[in-house]
């Protein structure tokens, strides 16, 4: 049984494929027949993480078997001759030029312009490090009542006069004022915040886009501030490792990051006066009690300069942001290419804002073990599940990809092949070249990906 489109000659094997085709190709055609046809079609759930779902099954069905991409042939990134393949004949001229997308064109769908606060890069000069050493910042509150009061002031953005009235009211009802002393004024409490480091009290809000009358913001703190919070922890500071350590073993299956070949090779590429600062990023969707039992997408950072046993402790990681999660009001929009593209744009815009202060940076000064040291930051690891990794690397989801791995270009037919000897890795250079040659689809990567030098 086939399902034919009312607006063109294409035929699909499933009603969901027809519905998605109408949404992608004929979404602006106001036709009563279309709406009635769409309403009669049963909705089929696409499956794995449908918020960022990419499908190409129907397009693959229209391609002859002898014209499909041969997985067994070696991958070569060469300019291909134009042909009349059914798959490419349906692609518009704009889509065929995806490899030429610039940063400005890529972010056209985002409502707000890219805004990176210059203050996010502050606090890394030699003078700043000297000031941190001479005036070490505190991470402890005077008492729990003091902390809860300042949380209220910051959460509701209370004015000084409003805060002062609350203080007077609480002071009247307290029985032990010396034990649970509050600041004398809200201004004094704000000064206390300015001269101390509290990981969750100095977050910023940046608008990213306005989608379906909803403004989506990026809630974050500068990543440099997060690094300083980690270095202020006494345990982290004490166990901090500066240099590569060569663990002399004939056979090693597991070890510390600072014992790896990557560390040794990367350390040789930076200035002799600098130390390598290994930054680990962790991201995963979760339910947040602090934000009212809502499903959020937090991002944490840790450091590869500390041992694994230390890195597993709660105070060895810092929350640096919440990624906005776009929500569509209907399934047609949710499964459209525009919505999926907008999700990728929002994700990459937030990463650019968060990581810009450390990209291609040298001579970042921090106080470690009561001494000032110069560092060169490098992002060493991104911890994520398979769906999250696909979002970071802009690759197709495994269920819809012919090359499902985010690290290499292995075919889905060879995932269980343990005898492979030559595996081609996914490198920024190879992916950029594939996009420029309009071969992104063959390597299962989105062509609208913006590369960040990390």
Protein backbone atom coordinates (compact mmCIF):
# COMPACT_ATOMS: atom_id res chain seq x y z
CA UNK A 1 0.00 0.00 0.00
CA UNK A 2 1.36 3.44 -0.88
CA UNK A 3 0.60 6.96 0.27
CA UNK A 4 0.82 9.64 -2.44
CA UNK A 5 1.39 13.32 -1.75
CA UNK A 6 -1.39 15.66 -2.96
CA UNK A 7 1.07 18.39 -3.90
CA UNK A 8 3.68 16.43 -5.86
CA UNK A 9 4.23 13.01 -7.42
CA UNK A 10 6.11 11.41 -4.54
CA UNK A 11 4.80 8.21 -2.93
CA UNK A 12 5.65 6.87 0.54
CA UNK A 13 5.37 3.47 2.19
CA UNK A 14 4.19 4.79 5.59
CA UNK A 15 1.71 7.51 6.59
CA UNK A 16 4.28 9.02 8.93
CA UNK A 17 6.70 9.45 6.04
CA UNK A 18 4.04 11.28 4.03
CA UNK A 19 3.18 13.49 6.98
CA UNK A 20 6.78 14.45 7.53
CA UNK A 21 7.28 15.12 3.81
CA UNK A 22 4.32 17.52 3.81
CA UNK A 23 5.75 19.28 6.85
CA UNK A 24 9.20 19.67 5.26
CA UNK A 25 8.32 20.41 1.62
CA UNK A 26 4.80 21.87 1.63
CA UNK A 27 4.44 23.40 5.08
CA UNK A 28 3.43 26.84 3.73
CA UNK A 29 0.69 25.59 1.37
CA UNK A 30 -2.71 26.52 2.80
CA UNK A 31 -4.93 23.74 1.48
CA UNK A 32 -7.94 22.19 3.15
CA UNK A 33 -7.13 18.84 1.59
CA UNK A 34 -3.73 18.81 3.22
CA UNK A 35 -5.06 19.45 6.70
CA UNK A 36 -7.74 16.82 6.35
CA UNK A 37 -5.25 14.31 4.97
CA UNK A 38 -2.77 15.05 7.73
CA UNK A 39 -5.39 14.72 10.45
CA UNK A 40 -6.47 11.31 9.21
CA UNK A 41 -2.97 9.88 9.29
CA UNK A 42 -2.08 8.06 12.53
CA UNK A 43 0.91 9.50 14.38
CA UNK A 44 3.86 7.13 14.76
CA UNK A 45 6.47 7.87 17.43
CA UNK A 46 9.89 8.10 15.73
CA UNK A 47 11.74 6.59 18.68
CA UNK A 48 15.10 7.47 20.24
CA UNK A 49 15.20 11.01 21.66
CA UNK A 50 12.60 12.38 19.24
CA UNK A 51 13.44 15.98 20.16
CA UNK A 52 16.50 15.76 17.94
CA UNK A 53 15.41 12.99 15.63
CA UNK A 54 16.82 12.77 12.10
CA UNK A 55 15.21 10.45 9.56
CA UNK A 56 16.11 9.55 6.06
CA UNK A 57 14.39 6.21 5.65
CA UNK A 58 11.95 7.37 3.00
CA UNK A 59 14.70 8.97 0.97
CA UNK A 60 16.71 5.76 1.12
CA UNK A 61 13.71 3.75 -0.08
CA UNK A 62 13.58 5.72 -3.33
CA UNK A 63 17.18 5.04 -4.21
CA UNK A 64 18.00 1.98 -6.29
CA UNK A 65 20.15 -0.65 -4.55
CA UNK A 66 22.95 -0.27 -7.07
CA UNK A 67 23.03 3.49 -6.45
CA UNK A 68 23.25 3.33 -2.65
CA UNK A 69 26.43 4.28 -0.85
CA UNK A 70 28.74 1.28 -0.64
CA UNK A 71 29.82 0.86 2.99
CA UNK A 72 32.65 -1.56 2.16
CA UNK A 73 34.48 0.83 -0.14
CA UNK A 74 37.18 3.06 1.37
CA UNK A 75 36.14 6.61 2.15
CA UNK A 76 37.57 9.24 -0.16
CA UNK A 77 36.67 12.90 0.07
CA UNK A 78 36.69 13.87 -3.60
CA UNK A 79 34.53 16.17 -5.62
CA UNK A 80 31.79 14.03 -7.19
CA UNK A 81 30.26 14.58 -10.61
CA UNK A 82 26.62 15.74 -10.70
CA UNK A 83 24.12 13.04 -11.54
CA UNK A 84 20.40 12.52 -11.79
CA UNK A 85 19.96 10.32 -8.71
CA UNK A 86 16.43 10.51 -7.37
CA UNK A 87 17.71 11.45 -3.92
CA UNK A 88 19.52 14.55 -5.13
CA UNK A 89 16.90 15.60 -7.69
CA UNK A 90 14.52 16.43 -4.84
CA UNK A 91 17.04 18.60 -3.00
CA UNK A 92 16.65 22.33 -3.47
CA UNK A 93 19.43 24.60 -4.55
CA UNK A 94 19.82 26.02 -1.06
CA UNK A 95 20.20 22.59 0.48
CA UNK A 96 22.83 21.57 -2.06
CA UNK A 97 25.04 24.43 -0.88
CA UNK A 98 25.09 23.49 2.80
CA UNK A 99 28.85 23.28 2.82
CA UNK A 100 29.11 27.03 2.16
CA UNK A 101 27.12 28.06 5.23
CA UNK A 102 28.77 30.88 7.19
CA UNK A 103 28.41 31.59 10.91
CA UNK A 104 25.93 34.40 10.18
CA UNK A 105 23.80 32.29 7.82
CA UNK A 106 23.87 29.35 10.20
CA UNK A 107 22.41 31.41 13.03
CA UNK A 108 19.73 33.23 11.02
CA UNK A 109 16.98 31.27 12.80
CA UNK A 110 18.08 32.50 16.24
CA UNK A 111 16.13 35.54 17.38
CA UNK A 112 18.90 37.21 19.35
CA UNK A 113 22.45 38.04 18.15
CA UNK A 114 25.46 36.27 19.62
CA UNK A 115 26.33 37.99 22.90
CA UNK A 116 29.52 37.04 24.75
CA UNK A 117 30.15 39.09 27.88
CA UNK A 118 33.72 40.41 28.01
CA UNK A 119 33.67 39.94 31.78
CA UNK A 120 33.50 36.15 31.24
CA UNK A 121 37.18 36.27 30.25
CA UNK A 122 38.28 38.38 33.20
CA UNK A 123 40.26 37.24 36.22
CA UNK A 124 43.06 35.35 34.45
CA UNK A 125 45.83 37.95 34.27
CA UNK A 126 48.95 37.94 36.42
CA UNK A 127 47.60 40.89 38.43
CA UNK A 128 44.37 39.01 39.09
CA UNK A 129 46.31 35.98 40.31
CA UNK A 130 48.42 38.17 42.61
CA UNK A 131 45.24 39.68 44.02
CA UNK A 132 43.76 36.19 44.55
CA UNK A 133 46.89 35.15 46.42
CA UNK A 134 47.05 38.28 48.58
CA UNK A 135 43.31 38.26 49.28
CA UNK A 136 42.16 34.61 49.22
CA UNK A 137 38.45 34.27 48.74
CA UNK A 138 36.22 32.46 51.16
CA UNK A 139 33.73 29.72 50.23
CA UNK A 140 32.02 29.33 53.61
CA UNK A 141 28.93 31.17 54.82
CA UNK A 142 28.82 32.63 58.35
CA UNK A 143 25.80 30.40 59.05
CA UNK A 144 22.86 28.68 57.33
CA UNK A 145 20.40 31.51 58.06
CA UNK A 146 22.75 34.02 56.39
CA UNK A 147 23.00 31.75 53.32
CA UNK A 148 19.24 31.23 53.00
CA UNK A 149 18.57 34.95 53.29
CA UNK A 150 21.01 35.87 50.50
CA UNK A 151 19.56 33.10 48.32
CA UNK A 152 16.16 34.78 48.67
CA UNK A 153 17.61 38.20 47.85
CA UNK A 154 19.32 36.90 44.69
CA UNK A 155 16.47 34.64 43.53
CA UNK A 156 13.79 37.35 43.75
CA UNK A 157 16.12 40.30 43.00
CA UNK A 158 15.00 42.11 46.14
CA UNK A 159 15.91 45.75 46.55
CA UNK A 160 18.07 46.88 49.45
CA UNK A 161 15.11 48.53 51.19
CA UNK A 162 13.03 45.33 50.86
CA UNK A 163 15.89 43.22 52.21
CA UNK A 164 16.38 45.59 55.14
CA UNK A 165 12.73 45.26 56.14
CA UNK A 166 13.00 41.47 56.07
CA UNK A 167 16.11 41.62 58.26
CA UNK A 168 14.37 43.84 60.81
CA UNK A 169 11.35 41.53 60.84
CA UNK A 170 13.46 38.40 61.38
CA UNK A 171 15.60 40.09 64.06
CA UNK A 172 12.48 40.90 66.06
CA UNK A 173 11.37 37.26 66.13
CA UNK A 174 14.72 35.59 66.75
CA UNK A 175 15.62 34.33 70.19
CA UNK A 176 19.37 33.86 69.60
CA UNK A 177 20.57 36.81 67.47
CA UNK A 178 24.26 36.19 68.10
CA UNK A 179 24.16 32.58 66.97
CA UNK A 180 22.25 33.17 63.73
CA UNK A 181 23.41 36.67 62.85
CA UNK A 182 22.19 38.16 59.57
CA UNK A 183 23.97 40.96 57.70
CA UNK A 184 23.22 44.41 59.06
CA UNK A 185 21.93 45.45 55.63
CA UNK A 186 21.27 43.95 52.20
CA UNK A 187 24.15 46.05 50.83
CA UNK A 188 26.51 44.44 53.31
CA UNK A 189 25.29 41.03 52.20
CA UNK A 190 25.85 41.91 48.54
CA UNK A 191 29.39 43.03 49.34
CA UNK A 192 29.92 39.69 51.05
CA UNK A 193 28.87 37.95 47.82
CA UNK A 194 31.24 40.10 45.73
CA UNK A 195 34.34 39.19 47.74
CA UNK A 196 33.56 35.47 48.06
CA UNK A 197 33.04 32.57 45.66
CA UNK A 198 29.79 30.61 45.74
CA UNK A 199 29.27 28.38 42.69
CA UNK A 200 25.51 28.77 42.33
CA UNK A 201 25.08 32.46 43.23
CA UNK A 202 26.65 34.26 40.26
CA UNK A 203 24.79 32.90 37.27
CA UNK A 204 23.90 35.01 34.24
CA UNK A 205 20.94 34.86 31.87
CA UNK A 206 21.40 35.39 28.12
CA UNK A 207 18.45 35.25 25.67
CA UNK A 208 19.08 32.81 22.80
CA UNK A 209 15.91 32.67 20.71
CA UNK A 210 12.16 33.31 20.70
CA UNK A 211 10.30 30.24 19.45
CA UNK A 212 6.51 29.98 19.34
CA UNK A 213 6.12 33.01 21.62
CA UNK A 214 8.48 31.56 24.23
CA UNK A 215 11.85 33.14 25.03
CA UNK A 216 14.59 30.57 25.66
CA UNK A 217 17.50 31.74 27.81
CA UNK A 218 20.93 30.31 28.55
CA UNK A 219 21.46 30.25 32.32
CA UNK A 220 25.19 30.02 33.03
CA UNK A 221 28.20 31.22 35.00
CA UNK A 222 31.54 32.11 33.33
CA UNK A 223 33.66 28.98 32.93
CA UNK A 224 36.69 30.82 34.36
CA UNK A 225 34.70 31.45 37.51
CA UNK A 226 33.90 27.73 37.66
CA UNK A 227 37.61 26.85 37.34
CA UNK A 228 38.47 29.19 40.21
CA UNK A 229 35.78 27.64 42.38
CA UNK A 230 37.36 24.22 41.81
CA UNK A 231 40.84 25.50 42.64
CA UNK A 232 39.55 27.06 45.87
CA UNK A 233 38.65 23.61 47.22
CA UNK A 234 41.42 22.63 49.62
CA UNK A 235 41.34 18.94 48.64
CA UNK A 236 41.49 19.73 44.92
CA UNK A 237 44.28 22.23 45.47
CA UNK A 238 46.34 19.77 47.47
CA UNK A 239 46.04 16.91 44.93
CA UNK A 240 46.53 19.08 41.84
CA UNK A 241 49.02 17.65 39.27
CA UNK A 242 51.03 20.00 37.04
CA UNK A 243 53.16 17.76 34.80
CA UNK A 244 52.93 14.52 32.86
CA UNK A 245 53.79 11.45 34.91
CA UNK A 246 55.26 8.47 33.13
CA UNK A 247 53.99 5.37 34.85
CA UNK A 248 56.50 2.68 33.91
CA UNK A 249 54.36 -0.36 33.19
CA UNK A 250 54.69 -2.90 30.39
CA UNK A 251 50.92 -3.31 30.09
CA UNK A 252 48.43 -0.63 31.11
CA UNK A 253 44.67 -0.81 30.60
CA UNK A 254 43.59 2.01 32.91
CA UNK A 255 45.25 4.99 34.51
CA UNK A 256 45.14 8.68 35.33
CA UNK A 257 44.68 11.26 32.62
CA UNK A 258 48.01 12.90 33.39
CA UNK A 259 49.69 9.55 32.67
CA UNK A 260 48.23 9.28 29.15
CA UNK A 261 49.94 9.76 25.80
CA UNK A 262 47.49 12.57 25.01
CA UNK A 263 48.74 14.54 28.01
CA UNK A 264 52.37 13.98 27.10
CA UNK A 265 51.83 14.99 23.45
CA UNK A 266 49.68 18.02 24.27
CA UNK A 267 52.10 19.24 26.92
CA UNK A 268 54.82 19.40 24.26
CA UNK A 269 52.72 21.75 22.11
CA UNK A 270 52.23 24.49 24.70
CA UNK A 271 54.64 27.09 26.01
CA UNK A 272 57.42 25.85 28.28
CA UNK A 273 56.39 28.39 30.90
CA UNK A 274 52.80 27.15 30.99
CA UNK A 275 51.14 24.14 32.57
CA UNK A 276 48.40 22.15 30.86
CA UNK A 277 44.97 22.72 32.37
CA UNK A 278 42.80 19.75 31.37
CA UNK A 279 39.08 20.62 31.36
CA UNK A 280 36.47 17.86 31.49
CA UNK A 281 32.89 18.65 30.44
CA UNK A 282 29.91 16.58 31.58
CA UNK A 283 26.41 17.02 30.22
CA UNK A 284 23.17 15.09 30.67
CA UNK A 285 19.46 15.84 30.96
CA UNK A 286 18.12 15.45 34.48
CA UNK A 287 15.37 16.56 36.85
CA UNK A 288 16.34 19.54 39.02
CA UNK A 289 14.77 19.96 42.45
CA UNK A 290 16.29 23.45 42.80
CA UNK A 291 14.30 24.63 39.77
CA UNK A 292 11.00 23.12 40.84
CA UNK A 293 11.12 19.49 39.64
CA UNK A 294 11.71 20.50 36.03
CA UNK A 295 13.63 18.56 33.41
CA UNK A 296 16.78 20.52 32.58
CA UNK A 297 20.02 20.03 30.68
CA UNK A 298 22.89 20.98 33.06
CA UNK A 299 26.59 21.20 32.12
CA UNK A 300 29.33 20.54 34.67
CA UNK A 301 33.11 20.91 34.51
CA UNK A 302 35.94 19.17 36.33
CA UNK A 303 39.72 19.01 35.89
CA UNK A 304 41.91 16.21 34.58
CA UNK A 305 44.72 17.56 36.76
CA UNK A 306 43.30 15.81 39.81
CA UNK A 307 43.22 12.02 40.45
CA UNK A 308 40.17 9.95 39.59
CA UNK A 309 39.32 9.18 43.22
CA UNK A 310 39.25 12.88 43.98
CA UNK A 311 37.27 13.75 40.84
CA UNK A 312 34.42 11.48 41.97
CA UNK A 313 33.74 13.66 45.02
CA UNK A 314 30.90 16.22 44.85
CA UNK A 315 33.17 19.23 45.46
CA UNK A 316 35.40 18.26 42.50
CA UNK A 317 32.86 19.33 39.89
CA UNK A 318 31.06 22.61 39.31
CA UNK A 319 27.78 23.41 37.59
CA UNK A 320 28.43 26.02 34.88
CA UNK A 321 25.13 26.23 33.02
CA UNK A 322 21.70 24.98 32.02
CA UNK A 323 21.11 24.50 28.29
CA UNK A 324 17.64 25.59 27.12
CA UNK A 325 15.39 22.79 25.88
CA UNK A 326 13.10 23.82 23.04
CA UNK A 327 9.53 22.54 23.13
CA UNK A 328 7.23 22.36 20.12
CA UNK A 329 3.48 22.81 20.48
CA UNK A 330 2.56 20.12 17.95
CA UNK A 331 4.04 16.97 16.44
CA UNK A 332 4.23 18.46 12.96
CA UNK A 333 6.57 21.18 14.15
CA UNK A 334 8.42 18.80 16.43
CA UNK A 335 9.33 16.51 13.52
CA UNK A 336 10.12 19.26 11.01
CA UNK A 337 13.64 19.90 9.73
CA UNK A 338 13.37 23.56 10.80
CA UNK A 339 12.82 22.58 14.45
CA UNK A 340 15.66 20.07 14.48
CA UNK A 341 17.98 22.63 12.87
CA UNK A 342 16.96 25.26 15.43
CA UNK A 343 17.75 22.82 18.27
CA UNK A 344 21.28 22.36 16.93
CA UNK A 345 21.72 26.11 16.53
CA UNK A 346 20.63 26.80 20.11
CA UNK A 347 22.93 24.09 21.48
CA UNK A 348 25.97 25.35 19.58
CA UNK A 349 25.24 29.01 20.41
CA UNK A 350 25.26 28.16 24.12
CA UNK A 351 28.53 26.24 23.77
CA UNK A 352 30.14 29.23 22.04
CA UNK A 353 29.08 31.57 24.85
CA UNK A 354 30.29 29.18 27.55
CA UNK A 355 33.61 28.10 25.99
CA UNK A 356 34.72 31.33 24.27
CA UNK A 357 36.79 32.56 27.26
CA UNK A 358 39.10 29.52 27.09
CA UNK A 359 39.32 28.84 23.35
CA UNK A 360 42.82 29.32 21.93
CA UNK A 361 43.98 30.95 25.18
CA UNK A 362 47.45 30.98 26.72
CA UNK A 363 48.91 32.51 29.87
CA UNK A 364 45.83 32.12 32.05
CA UNK A 365 47.02 32.70 35.62
CA UNK A 366 45.55 30.87 38.61
CA UNK A 367 46.62 30.35 42.21
CA UNK A 368 47.38 26.71 42.97
CA UNK A 369 49.03 25.52 46.19
CA UNK A 370 49.46 29.16 47.24
CA UNK A 371 51.59 29.92 44.17
CA UNK A 372 50.77 31.72 40.92
CA UNK A 373 51.03 29.54 37.81
CA UNK A 374 50.42 30.14 34.10
CA UNK A 375 48.17 27.65 32.31
CA UNK A 376 47.05 26.76 28.80
CA UNK A 377 43.50 25.31 28.91
CA UNK A 378 42.50 22.35 26.74
CA UNK A 379 39.19 20.49 26.65
CA UNK A 380 40.28 16.89 27.10
CA UNK A 381 37.07 14.90 27.62
CA UNK A 382 33.33 15.34 27.06
CA UNK A 383 31.34 12.86 29.15
CA UNK A 384 27.91 12.12 27.68
CA UNK A 385 25.60 9.31 26.68
CA UNK A 386 25.26 8.32 23.02
CA UNK A 387 22.48 10.79 22.22
CA UNK A 388 24.32 13.64 23.97
CA UNK A 389 27.56 12.78 22.14
CA UNK A 390 25.72 12.96 18.83
CA UNK A 391 24.52 16.45 19.76
CA UNK A 392 28.01 17.65 20.67
CA UNK A 393 29.53 16.29 17.44
CA UNK A 394 26.54 17.17 15.20
CA UNK A 395 26.30 13.58 13.94
CA UNK A 396 23.11 11.72 13.12
CA UNK A 397 21.49 9.74 15.90
CA UNK A 398 22.58 6.06 15.91
CA UNK A 399 19.13 4.78 14.95
CA UNK A 400 19.15 6.79 11.72
CA UNK A 401 22.84 6.76 10.85
CA UNK A 402 24.86 4.59 8.53
CA UNK A 403 27.94 5.62 10.53
CA UNK A 404 26.61 5.75 14.10
CA UNK A 405 29.87 6.23 16.01
CA UNK A 406 30.73 9.78 17.18
CA UNK A 407 34.47 9.00 17.20
CA UNK A 408 35.11 7.06 14.01
CA UNK A 409 33.62 6.38 10.57
CA UNK A 410 32.82 2.71 11.06
CA UNK A 411 29.76 1.42 9.21
CA UNK A 412 26.76 0.24 11.21
CA UNK A 413 27.26 -3.16 9.57
CA UNK A 414 30.73 -3.46 11.15
CA UNK A 415 29.86 -2.48 14.72
CA UNK A 416 30.29 -6.08 15.89
CA UNK A 417 33.32 -6.79 13.72
CA UNK A 418 36.21 -7.36 16.13
CA UNK A 419 38.76 -8.03 13.39
CA UNK A 420 38.87 -4.55 11.88
CA UNK A 421 42.41 -3.24 11.52
CA UNK A 422 41.95 0.11 9.80
CA UNK A 423 39.42 2.44 11.45
CA UNK A 424 39.19 6.01 10.20
CA UNK A 425 38.65 8.51 13.03
CA UNK A 426 36.30 11.48 12.94
CA UNK A 427 38.55 14.52 13.03
CA UNK A 428 37.55 18.17 12.60
CA UNK A 429 39.64 18.33 9.43
CA UNK A 430 37.89 15.33 7.82
CA UNK A 431 34.43 16.53 8.82
CA UNK A 432 35.08 20.07 7.57
CA UNK A 433 36.37 18.72 4.27
CA UNK A 434 33.32 16.47 3.87
CA UNK A 435 30.98 19.41 4.44
CA UNK A 436 32.84 21.58 1.93
CA UNK A 437 32.54 18.79 -0.67
CA UNK A 438 28.81 18.26 0.02
CA UNK A 439 29.51 14.77 1.37
CA UNK A 440 28.21 15.38 4.89
CA UNK A 441 25.32 12.96 4.42
CA UNK A 442 27.68 10.13 3.51
CA UNK A 443 29.58 10.63 6.77
CA UNK A 444 26.38 11.06 8.83
CA UNK A 445 27.15 14.60 9.96
CA UNK A 446 24.95 17.69 9.85
CA UNK A 447 26.23 20.20 7.32
CA UNK A 448 25.27 23.22 9.47
CA UNK A 449 27.89 22.42 12.12
CA UNK A 450 30.18 25.23 13.31
CA UNK A 451 33.64 24.00 14.35
CA UNK A 452 35.16 25.33 17.58
CA UNK A 453 38.91 25.02 18.05
CA UNK A 454 39.15 23.47 21.51
